[in-house]
Amino acid sequence: MALKALYGLSGVDKGMRSPYDCRVLLEFDQLERGVDSVLSGIREEAGQGLTEYALILLLIALVLIVMLTVFGDQISNTYQYIISRLAS
């Protein structure tokens, strides 16, 4: 109905005077339904993409936490060695 109102094609307000008016309103209804369908698909895909990115970031964070827990001492020792070599 938004497209019809935008173009002033409301049959109630203007009165249907010809079959052409009916055809135009029918085509606007079909166009509006098509646009709504496309937009709803885009919105759903955008939400799905954001969810996938969030899950990937969560997986990366978990892998980093596990790696730091397992290899934390070795990483710390390596950094200490590098720092001591740079200082001398």
Foldseek 3Di string as FASTA:
>chain_A
DVVCVVVVLDCVVPPDDDVVSVVVVVVVVVVVVVVVVVVVVVVVVVVVVVVVVVVVVVVVVVVVVVCCVVCVVVVVVVVVVVVVVVVD
